[in-house]
Amino acid sequence: MELSPITPSHRPNILGLGGTVRAGSSTERALVAALEVAASAGAETKLLGGAFLATLPIFDPRPGGPTPEQAELAEAVVKADGIILATPGYHGSISGAMKNALDTLDLLRLSGHPFLDGKAVGIIVTAAGSQAGGTSLVTMRAVIHALRGWPTPFGATLNSATPLFDEGGACCSPKDATQLATVAEQVVEFAMMKAALQAQQAASRNDRI
């Protein structure tokens, strides 16, 4: 699927969240590759990678002010029109760092923008085996549904048992490149359709005034 460049009035903000605490991880590189596809279609992108995830304290639901990092995450999610999440598959499920970041979104429970409400969410999973990739993808979809997000129809599962990227940062497998592009394109397309619908609804309300 090839997207037309986005007009400035419908330029969505796409947040990439994920990676591992290891710098330059395959998971974060996959996320960066997907964000590059979104940017090439005209979207504005922001990356909160593995190093950022490592700064988040374990979420504590008891009353108390958020840390600056927790506040930054909440603000980035509120501003995003679409989100791409990337996690490694650890022992058949998502990483603790990713789950903690998603738990932190409880800060938005009582806001005007609760959780992931109304946002398209693309999923990328890297795992050393197809089973862990599949179960982690299912887990991510379940969590996104609980947070009122819209998981994209396609989710990318990359087998990290073999190298995923070459020294230049390109995908070693055309299939993997297609998977990452599809996730990014579906997130951007959903954001564009939602923006167009909102503009149409606003115009309709103005016509009735």
N, C-alpha and C. Protein backbone atom coordinates (compact mmCIF):
# COMPACT_ATOMS: atom_id res chain seq x y z
N MET A 1 0.85 -1.19 0.00
CA MET A 1 0.00 0.00 0.00
C MET A 1 0.88 1.23 0.00
N GLU A 2 0.67 2.12 -0.93
CA GLU A 2 1.46 3.34 -1.03
C GLU A 2 0.58 4.54 -0.71
N LEU A 3 1.00 5.36 0.23
CA LEU A 3 0.21 6.50 0.64
C LEU A 3 0.64 7.75 -0.11
N SER A 4 -0.34 8.58 -0.42
CA SER A 4 -0.03 9.88 -1.00
C SER A 4 0.51 10.79 0.10
N PRO A 5 1.38 11.73 -0.26
CA PRO A 5 1.86 12.67 0.76
C PRO A 5 0.69 13.38 1.44
N ILE A 6 0.84 13.65 2.73
CA ILE A 6 -0.22 14.24 3.51
C ILE A 6 -0.21 15.75 3.33
N THR A 7 -1.39 16.34 3.20
CA THR A 7 -1.47 17.79 3.11
C THR A 7 -1.17 18.37 4.48
N PRO A 8 -0.62 19.60 4.56
CA PRO A 8 -0.25 20.18 5.84
C PRO A 8 -1.40 20.20 6.84
N SER A 9 -2.64 20.41 6.38
CA SER A 9 -3.77 20.50 7.30
C SER A 9 -4.16 19.14 7.86
N HIS A 10 -3.67 18.07 7.27
CA HIS A 10 -3.98 16.73 7.75
C HIS A 10 -2.68 15.97 8.03
N ARG A 11 -1.73 16.65 8.65
CA ARG A 11 -0.44 16.02 8.93
C ARG A 11 -0.45 15.41 10.32
N PRO A 12 -0.59 14.10 10.44
CA PRO A 12 -0.72 13.50 11.76
C PRO A 12 0.61 13.42 12.51
N ASN A 13 0.49 13.37 13.80
CA ASN A 13 1.63 13.21 14.69
C ASN A 13 1.69 11.75 15.11
N ILE A 14 2.74 11.07 14.75
CA ILE A 14 2.87 9.64 15.05
C ILE A 14 3.97 9.43 16.09
N LEU A 15 3.60 8.81 17.20
CA LEU A 15 4.54 8.53 18.27
C LEU A 15 5.04 7.09 18.16
N GLY A 16 6.35 6.93 18.23
CA GLY A 16 6.95 5.60 18.30
C GLY A 16 7.43 5.35 19.72
N LEU A 17 6.96 4.29 20.35
CA LEU A 17 7.32 3.97 21.73
C LEU A 17 7.79 2.53 21.80
N GLY A 18 9.01 2.32 22.30
CA GLY A 18 9.45 0.94 22.43
C GLY A 18 10.95 0.77 22.31
N GLY A 19 11.35 -0.48 22.24
CA GLY A 19 12.76 -0.84 22.23
C GLY A 19 13.09 -1.65 23.46
N THR A 20 14.34 -1.78 23.75
CA THR A 20 14.80 -2.43 24.97
C THR A 20 15.80 -1.50 25.65
N VAL A 21 16.20 -1.85 26.86
CA VAL A 21 17.16 -0.99 27.56
C VAL A 21 18.54 -1.09 26.94
N ARG A 22 18.74 -2.02 26.02
CA ARG A 22 20.02 -2.13 25.32
C ARG A 22 20.04 -1.18 24.14
N ALA A 23 21.02 -0.30 24.11
CA ALA A 23 21.12 0.67 23.02
C ALA A 23 21.29 -0.03 21.68
N GLY A 24 20.60 0.47 20.67
CA GLY A 24 20.73 -0.09 19.33
C GLY A 24 20.09 -1.45 19.16
N SER A 25 19.12 -1.78 19.99
CA SER A 25 18.47 -3.09 19.90
C SER A 25 17.72 -3.25 18.58
N SER A 26 17.53 -4.51 18.18
CA SER A 26 16.78 -4.77 16.96
C SER A 26 15.36 -4.24 17.06
N THR A 27 14.79 -4.29 18.24
CA THR A 27 13.42 -3.80 18.43
C THR A 27 13.34 -2.31 18.15
N GLU A 28 14.28 -1.54 18.70
CA GLU A 28 14.25 -0.10 18.46
C GLU A 28 14.57 0.23 17.01
N ARG A 29 15.46 -0.51 16.39
CA ARG A 29 15.78 -0.26 14.99
C ARG A 29 14.56 -0.54 14.11
N ALA A 30 13.78 -1.55 14.47
CA ALA A 30 12.56 -1.83 13.72
C ALA A 30 11.57 -0.69 13.88
N LEU A 31 11.48 -0.15 15.09
CA LEU A 31 10.59 0.98 15.34
C LEU A 31 11.02 2.20 14.54
N VAL A 32 12.30 2.47 14.51
CA VAL A 32 12.82 3.61 13.75
C VAL A 32 12.50 3.44 12.26
N ALA A 33 12.66 2.22 11.75
CA ALA A 33 12.36 1.97 10.34
C ALA A 33 10.90 2.24 10.03
N ALA A 34 10.00 1.85 10.94
CA ALA A 34 8.57 2.10 10.73
C ALA A 34 8.27 3.60 10.78
N LEU A 35 8.91 4.31 11.70
CA LEU A 35 8.69 5.75 11.78
C LEU A 35 9.19 6.46 10.53
N GLU A 36 10.25 5.95 9.93
CA GLU A 36 10.76 6.54 8.69
C GLU A 36 9.74 6.41 7.57
N VAL A 37 9.03 5.29 7.54
CA VAL A 37 7.97 5.12 6.53
C VAL A 37 6.87 6.14 6.77
N ALA A 38 6.48 6.31 8.04
CA ALA A 38 5.44 7.28 8.37
C ALA A 38 5.88 8.69 7.98
N ALA A 39 7.14 9.03 8.25
CA ALA A 39 7.65 10.36 7.91
C ALA A 39 7.69 10.57 6.41
N SER A 40 8.01 9.52 5.67
CA SER A 40 8.08 9.65 4.22
C SER A 40 6.71 9.93 3.61
N ALA A 41 5.65 9.57 4.35
CA ALA A 41 4.30 9.87 3.89
C ALA A 41 3.85 11.25 4.34
N GLY A 42 4.71 11.95 5.09
CA GLY A 42 4.41 13.31 5.49
C GLY A 42 4.04 13.49 6.94
N ALA A 43 4.03 12.41 7.72
CA ALA A 43 3.67 12.52 9.13
C ALA A 43 4.82 13.13 9.94
N GLU A 44 4.46 13.77 11.03
CA GLU A 44 5.45 14.20 12.00
C GLU A 44 5.65 13.04 12.98
N THR A 45 6.88 12.74 13.32
CA THR A 45 7.13 11.59 14.16
C THR A 45 7.94 11.96 15.40
N LYS A 46 7.76 11.17 16.44
CA LYS A 46 8.52 11.34 17.68
C LYS A 46 8.87 9.96 18.20
N LEU A 47 10.11 9.78 18.63
CA LEU A 47 10.57 8.50 19.15
C LEU A 47 10.85 8.59 20.64
N LEU A 48 10.25 7.69 21.39
CA LEU A 48 10.60 7.47 22.79
C LEU A 48 11.09 6.02 22.85
N GLY A 49 12.41 5.85 22.80
CA GLY A 49 12.99 4.53 22.65
C GLY A 49 13.32 3.83 23.95
N GLY A 50 14.17 2.82 23.82
CA GLY A 50 14.50 2.00 24.97
C GLY A 50 15.15 2.77 26.10
N ALA A 51 16.02 3.72 25.77
CA ALA A 51 16.67 4.52 26.81
C ALA A 51 15.64 5.30 27.60
N PHE A 52 14.60 5.79 26.93
CA PHE A 52 13.53 6.49 27.63
C PHE A 52 12.75 5.54 28.52
N LEU A 53 12.41 4.37 28.01
CA LEU A 53 11.65 3.40 28.81
C LEU A 53 12.38 3.08 30.11
N ALA A 54 13.72 3.05 30.04
CA ALA A 54 14.51 2.71 31.22
C ALA A 54 14.45 3.78 32.30
N THR A 55 14.03 4.99 31.95
CA THR A 55 13.95 6.07 32.93
C THR A 55 12.62 6.08 33.68
N LEU A 56 11.65 5.32 33.21
CA LEU A 56 10.34 5.32 33.85
C LEU A 56 10.37 4.48 35.12
N PRO A 57 9.96 5.04 36.25
CA PRO A 57 9.89 4.22 37.46
C PRO A 57 8.74 3.23 37.34
N ILE A 58 8.78 2.16 38.15
CA ILE A 58 7.66 1.24 38.19
C ILE A 58 6.41 2.03 38.57
N PHE A 59 5.36 1.87 37.76
CA PHE A 59 4.18 2.68 37.99
C PHE A 59 3.53 2.37 39.33
N ASP A 60 3.24 3.43 40.08
CA ASP A 60 2.60 3.33 41.39
C ASP A 60 1.25 4.03 41.30
N PRO A 61 0.14 3.30 41.40
CA PRO A 61 -1.17 3.93 41.23
C PRO A 61 -1.61 4.79 42.40
N ARG A 62 -0.86 4.78 43.49
CA ARG A 62 -1.24 5.61 44.63
C ARG A 62 -1.08 7.09 44.30
N PRO A 63 -1.86 7.94 44.97
CA PRO A 63 -1.80 9.38 44.67
C PRO A 63 -0.37 9.93 44.80
N GLY A 64 -0.06 10.84 43.94
CA GLY A 64 1.26 11.46 43.94
C GLY A 64 1.55 11.99 42.56
N GLY A 65 2.37 13.02 42.50
CA GLY A 65 2.66 13.63 41.21
C GLY A 65 3.53 12.74 40.34
N PRO A 66 3.34 12.80 39.00
CA PRO A 66 4.18 12.00 38.10
C PRO A 66 5.60 12.55 38.05
N THR A 67 6.54 11.70 37.72
CA THR A 67 7.91 12.15 37.49
C THR A 67 7.94 12.91 36.16
N PRO A 68 8.99 13.68 35.89
CA PRO A 68 9.07 14.37 34.59
C PRO A 68 8.99 13.41 33.42
N GLU A 69 9.58 12.22 33.56
CA GLU A 69 9.55 11.24 32.46
C GLU A 69 8.13 10.70 32.26
N GLN A 70 7.44 10.42 33.34
CA GLN A 70 6.07 9.95 33.22
C GLN A 70 5.18 11.03 32.59
N ALA A 71 5.39 12.27 32.99
CA ALA A 71 4.62 13.38 32.40
C ALA A 71 4.93 13.53 30.92
N GLU A 72 6.19 13.34 30.53
CA GLU A 72 6.56 13.43 29.12
C GLU A 72 5.86 12.36 28.30
N LEU A 73 5.80 11.15 28.84
CA LEU A 73 5.11 10.06 28.14
C LEU A 73 3.63 10.38 27.98
N ALA A 74 2.99 10.80 29.06
CA ALA A 74 1.56 11.10 29.00
C ALA A 74 1.28 12.20 27.99
N GLU A 75 2.11 13.24 27.98
CA GLU A 75 1.91 14.35 27.06
C GLU A 75 2.10 13.91 25.61
N ALA A 76 3.11 13.08 25.37
CA ALA A 76 3.37 12.60 24.01
C ALA A 76 2.21 11.76 23.49
N VAL A 77 1.62 10.96 24.36
CA VAL A 77 0.49 10.12 23.96
C VAL A 77 -0.73 10.98 23.66
N VAL A 78 -0.99 11.98 24.48
CA VAL A 78 -2.13 12.87 24.25
C VAL A 78 -1.99 13.58 22.91
N LYS A 79 -0.80 14.03 22.58
CA LYS A 79 -0.57 14.78 21.34
C LYS A 79 -0.59 13.90 20.10
N ALA A 80 -0.37 12.61 20.27
CA ALA A 80 -0.24 11.71 19.12
C ALA A 80 -1.58 11.43 18.47
N ASP A 81 -1.59 11.43 17.13
CA ASP A 81 -2.76 10.99 16.37
C ASP A 81 -2.73 9.49 16.14
N GLY A 82 -1.55 8.93 16.20
CA GLY A 82 -1.37 7.49 16.05
C GLY A 82 -0.10 7.08 16.76
N ILE A 83 -0.01 5.80 17.12
CA ILE A 83 1.11 5.32 17.91
C ILE A 83 1.60 3.99 17.33
N ILE A 84 2.92 3.83 17.32
CA ILE A 84 3.52 2.54 16.96
C ILE A 84 4.28 2.04 18.18
N LEU A 85 3.92 0.87 18.66
CA LEU A 85 4.56 0.25 19.83
C LEU A 85 5.45 -0.89 19.37
N ALA A 86 6.65 -0.97 19.93
CA ALA A 86 7.58 -2.03 19.56
C ALA A 86 8.12 -2.68 20.83
N THR A 87 7.98 -3.98 20.93
CA THR A 87 8.44 -4.71 22.11
C THR A 87 9.15 -5.99 21.71
N PRO A 88 10.14 -6.39 22.49
CA PRO A 88 10.68 -7.74 22.30
C PRO A 88 9.71 -8.74 22.91
N GLY A 89 9.74 -9.95 22.43
CA GLY A 89 8.97 -11.02 23.05
C GLY A 89 9.84 -11.75 24.05
N TYR A 90 9.57 -11.58 25.31
CA TYR A 90 10.35 -12.23 26.37
C TYR A 90 9.52 -13.35 26.99
N HIS A 91 9.98 -14.60 26.82
CA HIS A 91 9.32 -15.75 27.44
C HIS A 91 7.83 -15.80 27.12
N GLY A 92 7.52 -15.50 25.88
CA GLY A 92 6.15 -15.64 25.40
C GLY A 92 5.26 -14.44 25.63
N SER A 93 5.82 -13.33 26.12
CA SER A 93 4.99 -12.16 26.35
C SER A 93 5.79 -10.89 26.11
N ILE A 94 5.17 -9.74 26.38
CA ILE A 94 5.83 -8.46 26.14
C ILE A 94 6.82 -8.18 27.26
N SER A 95 7.72 -7.25 27.03
CA SER A 95 8.75 -6.95 28.03
C SER A 95 8.17 -6.19 29.22
N GLY A 96 8.85 -6.28 30.34
CA GLY A 96 8.43 -5.54 31.51
C GLY A 96 8.49 -4.04 31.29
N ALA A 97 9.48 -3.59 30.54
CA ALA A 97 9.62 -2.16 30.28
C ALA A 97 8.43 -1.63 29.48
N MET A 98 7.98 -2.40 28.49
CA MET A 98 6.82 -1.98 27.71
C MET A 98 5.55 -2.01 28.55
N LYS A 99 5.38 -3.07 29.33
CA LYS A 99 4.18 -3.16 30.17
C LYS A 99 4.15 -2.01 31.17
N ASN A 100 5.30 -1.65 31.73
CA ASN A 100 5.35 -0.55 32.68
C ASN A 100 4.97 0.77 32.01
N ALA A 101 5.43 0.98 30.78
CA ALA A 101 5.07 2.20 30.06
C ALA A 101 3.57 2.27 29.82
N LEU A 102 2.98 1.14 29.45
CA LEU A 102 1.54 1.11 29.22
C LEU A 102 0.77 1.28 30.53
N ASP A 103 1.28 0.70 31.62
CA ASP A 103 0.66 0.90 32.93
C ASP A 103 0.67 2.38 33.31
N THR A 104 1.74 3.07 32.94
CA THR A 104 1.88 4.49 33.28
C THR A 104 0.79 5.34 32.66
N LEU A 105 0.19 4.86 31.58
CA LEU A 105 -0.88 5.63 30.93
C LEU A 105 -2.12 5.72 31.79
N ASP A 106 -2.13 5.03 32.93
CA ASP A 106 -3.23 5.19 33.87
C ASP A 106 -3.30 6.63 34.38
N LEU A 107 -2.20 7.38 34.21
CA LEU A 107 -2.19 8.79 34.56
C LEU A 107 -3.24 9.57 33.77
N LEU A 108 -3.64 9.03 32.62
CA LEU A 108 -4.60 9.72 31.75
C LEU A 108 -6.04 9.29 32.02
N ARG A 109 -6.23 8.46 33.02
CA ARG A 109 -7.56 7.89 33.28
C ARG A 109 -8.65 8.97 33.37
N LEU A 110 -8.40 10.01 34.12
CA LEU A 110 -9.42 11.04 34.37
C LEU A 110 -9.21 12.29 33.53
N SER A 111 -8.34 12.20 32.53
CA SER A 111 -8.10 13.35 31.67
C SER A 111 -9.15 13.42 30.57
N GLY A 112 -9.09 14.47 29.78
CA GLY A 112 -9.99 14.57 28.64
C GLY A 112 -9.59 13.66 27.49
N HIS A 113 -8.44 13.02 27.64
CA HIS A 113 -7.93 12.10 26.61
C HIS A 113 -7.52 10.79 27.29
N PRO A 114 -8.48 9.98 27.74
CA PRO A 114 -8.15 8.79 28.52
C PRO A 114 -7.37 7.73 27.72
N PHE A 115 -6.30 7.28 28.31
CA PHE A 115 -5.53 6.16 27.78
C PHE A 115 -5.16 6.36 26.30
N LEU A 116 -5.53 5.38 25.45
CA LEU A 116 -5.25 5.44 24.01
C LEU A 116 -6.54 5.65 23.22
N ASP A 117 -7.52 6.23 23.87
CA ASP A 117 -8.85 6.36 23.29
C ASP A 117 -8.84 7.01 21.91
N GLY A 118 -9.40 6.30 20.93
CA GLY A 118 -9.55 6.84 19.59
C GLY A 118 -8.32 6.85 18.72
N LYS A 119 -7.23 6.26 19.20
CA LYS A 119 -5.97 6.31 18.45
C LYS A 119 -5.69 4.96 17.79
N ALA A 120 -5.20 5.01 16.55
CA ALA A 120 -4.72 3.79 15.90
C ALA A 120 -3.37 3.42 16.50
N VAL A 121 -3.18 2.15 16.79
CA VAL A 121 -1.95 1.68 17.41
C VAL A 121 -1.38 0.51 16.61
N GLY A 122 -0.22 0.72 16.04
CA GLY A 122 0.47 -0.35 15.33
C GLY A 122 1.39 -1.10 16.27
N ILE A 123 1.60 -2.37 16.00
CA ILE A 123 2.38 -3.22 16.89
C ILE A 123 3.52 -3.87 16.13
N ILE A 124 4.71 -3.83 16.74
CA ILE A 124 5.89 -4.54 16.23
C ILE A 124 6.43 -5.41 17.35
N VAL A 125 6.65 -6.68 17.05
CA VAL A 125 7.24 -7.60 18.02
C VAL A 125 8.47 -8.24 17.41
N THR A 126 9.57 -8.23 18.14
CA THR A 126 10.76 -8.98 17.72
C THR A 126 10.98 -10.10 18.73
N ALA A 127 11.18 -11.29 18.24
CA ALA A 127 11.37 -12.43 19.15
C ALA A 127 12.15 -13.52 18.44
N ALA A 128 12.92 -14.28 19.21
CA ALA A 128 13.74 -15.35 18.64
C ALA A 128 12.90 -16.61 18.50
N GLY A 129 11.87 -16.51 17.67
CA GLY A 129 10.99 -17.65 17.43
C GLY A 129 9.58 -17.19 17.13
N SER A 130 8.87 -17.96 16.32
CA SER A 130 7.54 -17.55 15.89
C SER A 130 6.52 -17.65 17.01
N GLN A 131 6.69 -18.60 17.94
CA GLN A 131 5.71 -18.75 19.00
C GLN A 131 5.68 -17.52 19.91
N ALA A 132 6.84 -17.07 20.35
CA ALA A 132 6.90 -15.89 21.22
C ALA A 132 6.39 -14.66 20.50
N GLY A 133 6.67 -14.57 19.20
CA GLY A 133 6.17 -13.44 18.43
C GLY A 133 4.65 -13.42 18.39
N GLY A 134 4.06 -14.57 18.17
CA GLY A 134 2.60 -14.64 18.09
C GLY A 134 1.92 -14.36 19.41
N THR A 135 2.40 -14.97 20.49
CA THR A 135 1.76 -14.76 21.79
C THR A 135 1.95 -13.33 22.29
N SER A 136 3.11 -12.75 22.00
CA SER A 136 3.35 -11.36 22.42
C SER A 136 2.46 -10.40 21.65
N LEU A 137 2.23 -10.68 20.37
CA LEU A 137 1.34 -9.85 19.56
C LEU A 137 -0.08 -9.90 20.11
N VAL A 138 -0.54 -11.09 20.48
CA VAL A 138 -1.88 -11.23 21.05
C VAL A 138 -1.99 -10.45 22.36
N THR A 139 -0.96 -10.53 23.19
CA THR A 139 -0.95 -9.80 24.45
C THR A 139 -1.03 -8.30 24.22
N MET A 140 -0.25 -7.81 23.27
CA MET A 140 -0.27 -6.38 22.97
C MET A 140 -1.65 -5.93 22.50
N ARG A 141 -2.27 -6.72 21.65
CA ARG A 141 -3.61 -6.36 21.17
C ARG A 141 -4.60 -6.28 22.34
N ALA A 142 -4.50 -7.23 23.26
CA ALA A 142 -5.42 -7.24 24.40
C ALA A 142 -5.24 -6.00 25.27
N VAL A 143 -3.99 -5.62 25.51
CA VAL A 143 -3.72 -4.45 26.34
C VAL A 143 -4.21 -3.18 25.65
N ILE A 144 -3.99 -3.08 24.35
CA ILE A 144 -4.43 -1.90 23.60
C ILE A 144 -5.95 -1.78 23.64
N HIS A 145 -6.64 -2.91 23.49
CA HIS A 145 -8.10 -2.88 23.59
C HIS A 145 -8.52 -2.37 24.96
N ALA A 146 -7.85 -2.85 26.02
CA ALA A 146 -8.19 -2.41 27.38
C ALA A 146 -7.97 -0.92 27.56
N LEU A 147 -7.01 -0.37 26.81
CA LEU A 147 -6.71 1.06 26.88
C LEU A 147 -7.51 1.86 25.86
N ARG A 148 -8.51 1.23 25.24
CA ARG A 148 -9.46 1.87 24.32
C ARG A 148 -8.82 2.29 23.00
N GLY A 149 -7.68 1.70 22.66
CA GLY A 149 -7.04 2.00 21.40
C GLY A 149 -7.57 1.10 20.29
N TRP A 150 -7.15 1.40 19.07
CA TRP A 150 -7.56 0.65 17.88
C TRP A 150 -6.33 -0.04 17.30
N PRO A 151 -6.09 -1.32 17.64
CA PRO A 151 -4.95 -2.01 17.03
C PRO A 151 -5.15 -2.10 15.52
N THR A 152 -4.10 -1.82 14.77
CA THR A 152 -4.22 -1.91 13.32
C THR A 152 -4.46 -3.37 12.91
N PRO A 153 -5.11 -3.58 11.78
CA PRO A 153 -5.37 -4.96 11.35
C PRO A 153 -4.10 -5.80 11.24
N PHE A 154 -3.01 -5.17 10.81
CA PHE A 154 -1.76 -5.92 10.63
C PHE A 154 -0.81 -5.61 11.77
N GLY A 155 -0.19 -6.65 12.31
CA GLY A 155 0.87 -6.50 13.31
C GLY A 155 2.12 -7.21 12.81
N ALA A 156 3.27 -6.59 13.02
CA ALA A 156 4.54 -7.14 12.51
C ALA A 156 5.20 -8.02 13.57
N THR A 157 5.59 -9.22 13.18
CA THR A 157 6.36 -10.10 14.06
C THR A 157 7.65 -10.47 13.33
N LEU A 158 8.78 -10.06 13.88
CA LEU A 158 10.08 -10.28 13.25
C LEU A 158 10.87 -11.30 14.05
N ASN A 159 11.42 -12.29 13.37
CA ASN A 159 12.18 -13.35 14.02
C ASN A 159 13.63 -12.92 14.18
N SER A 160 14.02 -12.61 15.41
CA SER A 160 15.37 -12.12 15.67
C SER A 160 16.40 -13.22 15.88
N ALA A 161 16.02 -14.47 15.57
CA ALA A 161 16.98 -15.56 15.66
C ALA A 161 18.09 -15.41 14.63
N THR A 162 17.80 -14.65 13.58
CA THR A 162 18.79 -14.30 12.57
C THR A 162 18.86 -12.78 12.50
N PRO A 163 19.97 -12.20 12.01
CA PRO A 163 20.09 -10.74 11.96
C PRO A 163 18.93 -10.10 11.20
N LEU A 164 18.39 -9.04 11.77
CA LEU A 164 17.26 -8.36 11.15
C LEU A 164 17.69 -7.18 10.28
N PHE A 165 18.86 -6.59 10.61
CA PHE A 165 19.31 -5.39 9.91
C PHE A 165 20.77 -5.53 9.51
N ASP A 166 21.11 -4.92 8.38
CA ASP A 166 22.50 -4.93 7.97
C ASP A 166 23.23 -3.76 8.62
N GLU A 167 24.50 -3.60 8.32
CA GLU A 167 25.30 -2.56 8.96
C GLU A 167 24.80 -1.15 8.64
N GLY A 168 24.13 -1.02 7.52
CA GLY A 168 23.59 0.29 7.15
C GLY A 168 22.23 0.58 7.75
N GLY A 169 21.69 -0.39 8.48
CA GLY A 169 20.39 -0.19 9.13
C GLY A 169 19.21 -0.64 8.32
N ALA A 170 19.46 -1.21 7.13
CA ALA A 170 18.36 -1.68 6.28
C ALA A 170 17.94 -3.09 6.69
N CYS A 171 16.68 -3.40 6.49
CA CYS A 171 16.18 -4.74 6.79
C CYS A 171 16.89 -5.77 5.92
N CYS A 172 17.32 -6.85 6.53
CA CYS A 172 17.94 -7.93 5.76
C CYS A 172 16.92 -8.66 4.91
N SER A 173 15.68 -8.70 5.38
CA SER A 173 14.63 -9.43 4.68
C SER A 173 13.61 -8.46 4.09
N PRO A 174 13.33 -8.58 2.78
CA PRO A 174 12.27 -7.76 2.17
C PRO A 174 10.92 -7.98 2.86
N LYS A 175 10.69 -9.19 3.33
CA LYS A 175 9.43 -9.49 4.02
C LYS A 175 9.31 -8.66 5.29
N ASP A 176 10.41 -8.56 6.05
CA ASP A 176 10.39 -7.76 7.28
C ASP A 176 10.17 -6.29 6.96
N ALA A 177 10.82 -5.80 5.90
CA ALA A 177 10.64 -4.41 5.50
C ALA A 177 9.18 -4.13 5.14
N THR A 178 8.55 -5.08 4.46
CA THR A 178 7.15 -4.93 4.10
C THR A 178 6.26 -4.93 5.33
N GLN A 179 6.59 -5.79 6.30
CA GLN A 179 5.81 -5.82 7.54
C GLN A 179 5.85 -4.47 8.26
N LEU A 180 7.03 -3.92 8.40
CA LEU A 180 7.18 -2.65 9.11
C LEU A 180 6.49 -1.51 8.37
N ALA A 181 6.61 -1.53 7.05
CA ALA A 181 5.95 -0.49 6.25
C ALA A 181 4.43 -0.59 6.36
N THR A 182 3.91 -1.80 6.38
CA THR A 182 2.46 -1.99 6.46
C THR A 182 1.92 -1.46 7.78
N VAL A 183 2.62 -1.75 8.88
CA VAL A 183 2.19 -1.23 10.18
C VAL A 183 2.15 0.29 10.15
N ALA A 184 3.23 0.91 9.68
CA ALA A 184 3.30 2.37 9.65
C ALA A 184 2.22 2.96 8.75
N GLU A 185 2.02 2.38 7.59
CA GLU A 185 1.05 2.91 6.65
C GLU A 185 -0.37 2.82 7.20
N GLN A 186 -0.68 1.72 7.89
CA GLN A 186 -2.03 1.60 8.43
C GLN A 186 -2.29 2.60 9.55
N VAL A 187 -1.29 2.86 10.38
CA VAL A 187 -1.44 3.87 11.44
C VAL A 187 -1.66 5.25 10.84
N VAL A 188 -0.85 5.60 9.85
CA VAL A 188 -0.98 6.91 9.21
C VAL A 188 -2.31 7.03 8.48
N GLU A 189 -2.70 5.99 7.78
CA GLU A 189 -3.95 6.03 7.03
C GLU A 189 -5.14 6.22 7.96
N PHE A 190 -5.15 5.52 9.10
CA PHE A 190 -6.24 5.68 10.06
C PHE A 190 -6.29 7.11 10.58
N ALA A 191 -5.13 7.66 10.90
CA ALA A 191 -5.07 9.04 11.41
C ALA A 191 -5.58 10.03 10.37
N MET A 192 -5.24 9.80 9.10
CA MET A 192 -5.70 10.67 8.03
C MET A 192 -7.22 10.59 7.87
N MET A 193 -7.76 9.37 7.92
CA MET A 193 -9.20 9.19 7.77
C MET A 193 -9.95 9.85 8.92
N LYS A 194 -9.41 9.71 10.14
CA LYS A 194 -10.06 10.32 11.30
C LYS A 194 -10.05 11.83 11.18
N ALA A 195 -8.92 12.41 10.75
CA ALA A 195 -8.83 13.86 10.58
C ALA A 195 -9.82 14.34 9.54
N ALA A 196 -9.94 13.59 8.45
CA ALA A 196 -10.88 13.98 7.39
C ALA A 196 -12.32 13.91 7.89
N LEU A 197 -12.62 12.88 8.67
CA LEU A 197 -13.98 12.75 9.22
C LEU A 197 -14.29 13.89 10.18
N GLN A 198 -13.34 14.23 11.03
CA GLN A 198 -13.56 15.33 11.97
C GLN A 198 -13.76 16.65 11.24
N ALA A 199 -13.00 16.87 10.17
CA ALA A 199 -13.16 18.08 9.38
C ALA A 199 -14.55 18.12 8.73
N GLN A 200 -14.99 16.97 8.23
CA GLN A 200 -16.31 16.89 7.60
C GLN A 200 -17.41 17.16 8.63
N GLN A 201 -17.26 16.60 9.82
CA GLN A 201 -18.27 16.81 10.86
C GLN A 201 -18.30 18.28 11.30
N ALA A 202 -17.13 18.91 11.39
CA ALA A 202 -17.08 20.31 11.77
C ALA A 202 -17.75 21.19 10.72
N ALA A 203 -17.49 20.86 9.44
CA ALA A 203 -18.10 21.63 8.35
C ALA A 203 -19.62 21.46 8.36
N SER A 204 -20.07 20.25 8.69
CA SER A 204 -21.51 19.99 8.74
C SER A 204 -22.17 20.78 9.86
N ARG A 205 -21.49 20.86 11.00
CA ARG A 205 -22.04 21.64 12.13
C ARG A 205 -22.11 23.12 11.77
N ASN A 206 -21.09 23.61 11.08
CA ASN A 206 -21.08 25.02 10.69
C ASN A 206 -22.19 25.35 9.71
N ASP A 207 -22.50 24.37 8.83
CA ASP A 207 -23.55 24.59 7.85
C ASP A 207 -24.93 24.70 8.52
N ARG A 208 -25.06 24.04 9.69
CA ARG A 208 -26.34 24.05 10.38
C ARG A 208 -26.53 25.30 11.25
N ILE A 209 -25.44 26.04 11.44
CA ILE A 209 -25.54 27.23 12.30
C ILE A 209 -26.14 28.41 11.52
